[in-house]
């Protein structure tokens, strides 16, 4: 996509990262989120190598999965995904080796939250912002319908408009 847009890898400064960890289904909490965190930290270091001017990565937790969908990425996988993101951000805040984003030892971009998509099912609005991701917005309990995609993308755009960090660059474009 970058090359198709007549851009170069050196031009990339910001990445939106929504990832899935559906391989370690036998691990519970906190082992699974911690393993996911380790994998994410390796991924962002690789991104920094491949995209040398990368400064910021927004991590995005997965949406809730619904119903009797029994796939390797059904609940609690998306829930654990959010915890893995949180643990990675905490590592960076706490200066854990391998997560440094500034100074002479920088090996990674800065990592911060994007819009958080996970909710506790479709009938319980999140207390912080009222967000609900209803099952009707999903084809199969996992993948968003066009209406679900519109809902999520609108919320993400609203996040970018109001986020203190995104305000530095997003509104300019």
Protein backbone atom coordinates (compact mmCIF):
# COMPACT_ATOMS: atom_id res chain seq x y z
CA UNK A 1 0.00 0.00 0.00
CA UNK A 2 2.81 2.39 0.80
CA UNK A 3 4.51 1.91 -2.54
CA UNK A 4 1.18 1.94 -4.39
CA UNK A 5 0.58 5.39 -2.88
CA UNK A 6 3.90 6.51 -4.37
CA UNK A 7 5.39 6.82 -0.90
CA UNK A 8 8.46 5.28 0.68
CA UNK A 9 9.03 3.35 3.89
CA UNK A 10 11.07 6.32 5.16
CA UNK A 11 7.98 8.54 4.99
CA UNK A 12 5.93 6.47 7.45
CA UNK A 13 5.80 8.12 10.87
CA UNK A 14 2.54 6.80 12.37
CA UNK A 15 1.05 3.30 12.40
CA UNK A 16 -2.40 2.13 13.44
CA UNK A 17 -2.00 -1.42 14.75
CA UNK A 18 -4.90 -3.77 15.31
CA UNK A 19 -3.52 -7.21 15.90
CA UNK A 20 -4.86 -10.63 16.77
CA UNK A 21 -3.32 -13.24 19.01
CA UNK A 22 -5.25 -16.44 18.45
CA UNK A 23 -2.46 -18.98 18.69
CA UNK A 24 -2.02 -19.39 22.42
CA UNK A 25 -5.57 -20.41 23.28
CA UNK A 26 -4.46 -22.73 26.09
CA UNK A 27 -2.97 -19.92 28.15
CA UNK A 28 -5.14 -18.02 30.59
CA UNK A 29 -4.82 -14.70 32.35
CA UNK A 30 -2.23 -13.18 32.79
CA UNK A 31 0.02 -15.63 30.91
CA UNK A 32 -1.67 -15.11 27.55
CA UNK A 33 -1.72 -11.30 27.63
CA UNK A 34 1.90 -11.32 28.78
CA UNK A 35 2.96 -13.58 25.89
CA UNK A 36 1.03 -11.35 23.49
CA UNK A 37 2.80 -8.31 24.96
CA UNK A 38 6.21 -9.89 24.33
CA UNK A 39 5.21 -10.61 20.71
CA UNK A 40 3.91 -7.05 20.23
CA UNK A 41 7.08 -5.54 21.63
CA UNK A 42 9.11 -7.58 19.13
CA UNK A 43 6.75 -6.45 16.35
CA UNK A 44 7.12 -2.74 17.13
CA UNK A 45 10.92 -3.08 17.22
CA UNK A 46 10.74 -4.71 13.77
CA UNK A 47 8.48 -1.88 12.56
CA UNK A 48 11.06 0.65 13.75
CA UNK A 49 13.78 -1.15 11.75
CA UNK A 50 11.66 -1.41 8.59
CA UNK A 51 10.17 2.09 9.00
CA UNK A 52 13.15 4.10 10.30
CA UNK A 53 11.19 7.35 10.83
CA UNK A 54 8.32 5.69 12.67
CA UNK A 55 7.52 7.78 15.71
CA UNK A 56 4.13 6.61 16.96
CA UNK A 57 2.07 3.41 17.02
CA UNK A 58 -1.58 3.47 18.04
CA UNK A 59 -2.62 0.04 19.35
CA UNK A 60 -6.23 -0.94 19.02
CA UNK A 61 -7.89 -3.70 21.00
CA UNK A 62 -10.22 -6.07 19.17
CA UNK A 63 -14.00 -5.85 19.29
CA UNK A 64 -16.02 -8.18 21.47
CA UNK A 65 -16.89 -11.53 19.91
CA UNK A 66 -20.40 -12.87 20.25
CA UNK A 67 -22.61 -15.87 20.49
CA UNK A 68 -21.64 -19.43 20.02
CA UNK A 69 -18.86 -18.54 17.61
CA UNK A 70 -16.10 -21.00 18.43
CA UNK A 71 -13.06 -19.81 16.60
CA UNK A 72 -9.54 -19.42 17.88
CA UNK A 73 -10.18 -15.70 18.31
CA UNK A 74 -13.45 -15.83 20.25
CA UNK A 75 -13.71 -14.58 23.82
CA UNK A 76 -11.71 -14.27 25.96
CA UNK A 77 -9.09 -13.73 23.21
CA UNK A 78 -10.15 -10.14 22.35
CA UNK A 79 -10.35 -9.33 26.06
CA UNK A 80 -6.82 -10.65 26.60
CA UNK A 81 -5.68 -8.74 23.51
CA UNK A 82 -6.56 -5.47 25.24
CA UNK A 83 -4.63 -6.50 28.34
CA UNK A 84 -1.58 -7.34 26.22
CA UNK A 85 -1.72 -3.85 24.70
CA UNK A 86 -2.02 -2.35 28.18
CA UNK A 87 0.95 -4.34 29.48
CA UNK A 88 3.08 -3.22 26.51
CA UNK A 89 2.23 0.46 27.09
CA UNK A 90 3.04 0.04 30.80
CA UNK A 91 6.42 -1.49 29.91
CA UNK A 92 7.22 1.53 27.78
CA UNK A 93 6.10 3.97 30.48
CA UNK A 94 8.23 2.09 33.01
CA UNK A 95 11.30 2.14 30.75
CA UNK A 96 11.57 -1.62 30.29
CA UNK A 97 14.54 -2.53 28.10
CA UNK A 98 13.53 -3.12 24.49
CA UNK A 99 10.68 -0.58 24.56
CA UNK A 100 12.67 2.69 24.61
CA UNK A 101 11.27 5.25 22.17
CA UNK A 102 13.48 8.26 22.84
CA UNK A 103 17.09 8.95 23.63
CA UNK A 104 20.22 7.19 22.43
CA UNK A 105 18.85 3.72 23.22
CA UNK A 106 15.60 4.15 21.28
CA UNK A 107 14.63 0.86 19.63
CA UNK A 108 10.88 1.34 19.23
CA UNK A 109 8.31 4.01 18.37
CA UNK A 110 6.17 5.51 21.11
CA UNK A 111 3.11 3.32 21.69
CA UNK A 112 -0.25 4.60 22.89
CA UNK A 113 -3.91 3.67 22.86
CA UNK A 114 -6.17 4.17 19.90
CA UNK A 115 -9.94 3.92 20.31
CA UNK A 116 -10.71 0.92 22.53
CA UNK A 117 -13.27 -1.29 20.75
CA UNK A 118 -13.83 -4.04 23.31
CA UNK A 119 -17.04 -3.95 25.34
CA UNK A 120 -18.61 -6.34 27.78
CA UNK A 121 -21.18 -7.70 25.34
CA UNK A 122 -23.83 -5.83 23.46
CA UNK A 123 -26.18 -5.01 26.30
CA UNK A 124 -23.80 -3.31 28.71
CA UNK A 125 -22.73 0.20 27.63
CA UNK A 126 -19.23 1.13 28.73
CA UNK A 127 -19.49 3.50 31.68
CA UNK A 128 -16.73 5.83 30.46
CA UNK A 129 -18.28 6.70 27.09
CA UNK A 130 -21.46 4.66 26.56
CA UNK A 131 -19.91 2.62 23.73
CA UNK A 132 -21.75 -0.56 22.75
CA UNK A 133 -20.80 -2.89 19.92
CA UNK A 134 -24.02 -4.77 19.25
CA UNK A 135 -24.02 -8.32 17.86
CA UNK A 136 -26.10 -7.10 14.91
CA UNK A 137 -23.02 -5.13 13.78
CA UNK A 138 -21.19 -8.42 13.18
CA UNK A 139 -21.62 -11.01 10.41
CA UNK A 140 -20.46 -13.99 12.37
CA UNK A 141 -19.73 -12.88 15.91
CA UNK A 142 -16.22 -11.78 14.88
CA UNK A 143 -16.20 -9.69 11.68
CA UNK A 144 -17.97 -6.34 11.42
CA UNK A 145 -20.75 -5.75 8.88
CA UNK A 146 -20.58 -2.57 6.76
CA UNK A 147 -22.70 -0.87 9.45
CA UNK A 148 -20.31 -2.15 12.12
CA UNK A 149 -17.33 -0.91 10.12
CA UNK A 150 -18.98 2.51 9.82
CA UNK A 151 -19.62 2.58 13.57
CA UNK A 152 -16.04 1.64 14.42
CA UNK A 153 -14.44 3.95 11.86
CA UNK A 154 -16.59 6.89 13.00
CA UNK A 155 -15.56 6.29 16.59
CA UNK A 156 -11.92 6.02 15.58
CA UNK A 157 -12.12 9.26 13.61
CA UNK A 158 -13.73 10.97 16.63
CA UNK A 159 -10.86 9.62 18.73
CA UNK A 160 -8.31 11.13 16.33
CA UNK A 161 -10.09 14.48 16.40
CA UNK A 162 -10.10 14.64 20.21
CA UNK A 163 -6.86 12.84 21.17
CA UNK A 164 -4.13 15.20 22.46
CA UNK A 165 -1.39 13.46 20.49
CA UNK A 166 -3.39 13.10 17.27
CA UNK A 167 -4.34 16.77 17.48
CA UNK A 168 -0.73 17.58 16.66
CA UNK A 169 -0.91 15.93 13.23
CA UNK A 170 -4.41 14.66 12.34
CA UNK A 171 -6.33 17.92 12.01
CA UNK A 172 -3.64 19.34 9.74
CA UNK A 173 -4.66 16.92 6.99
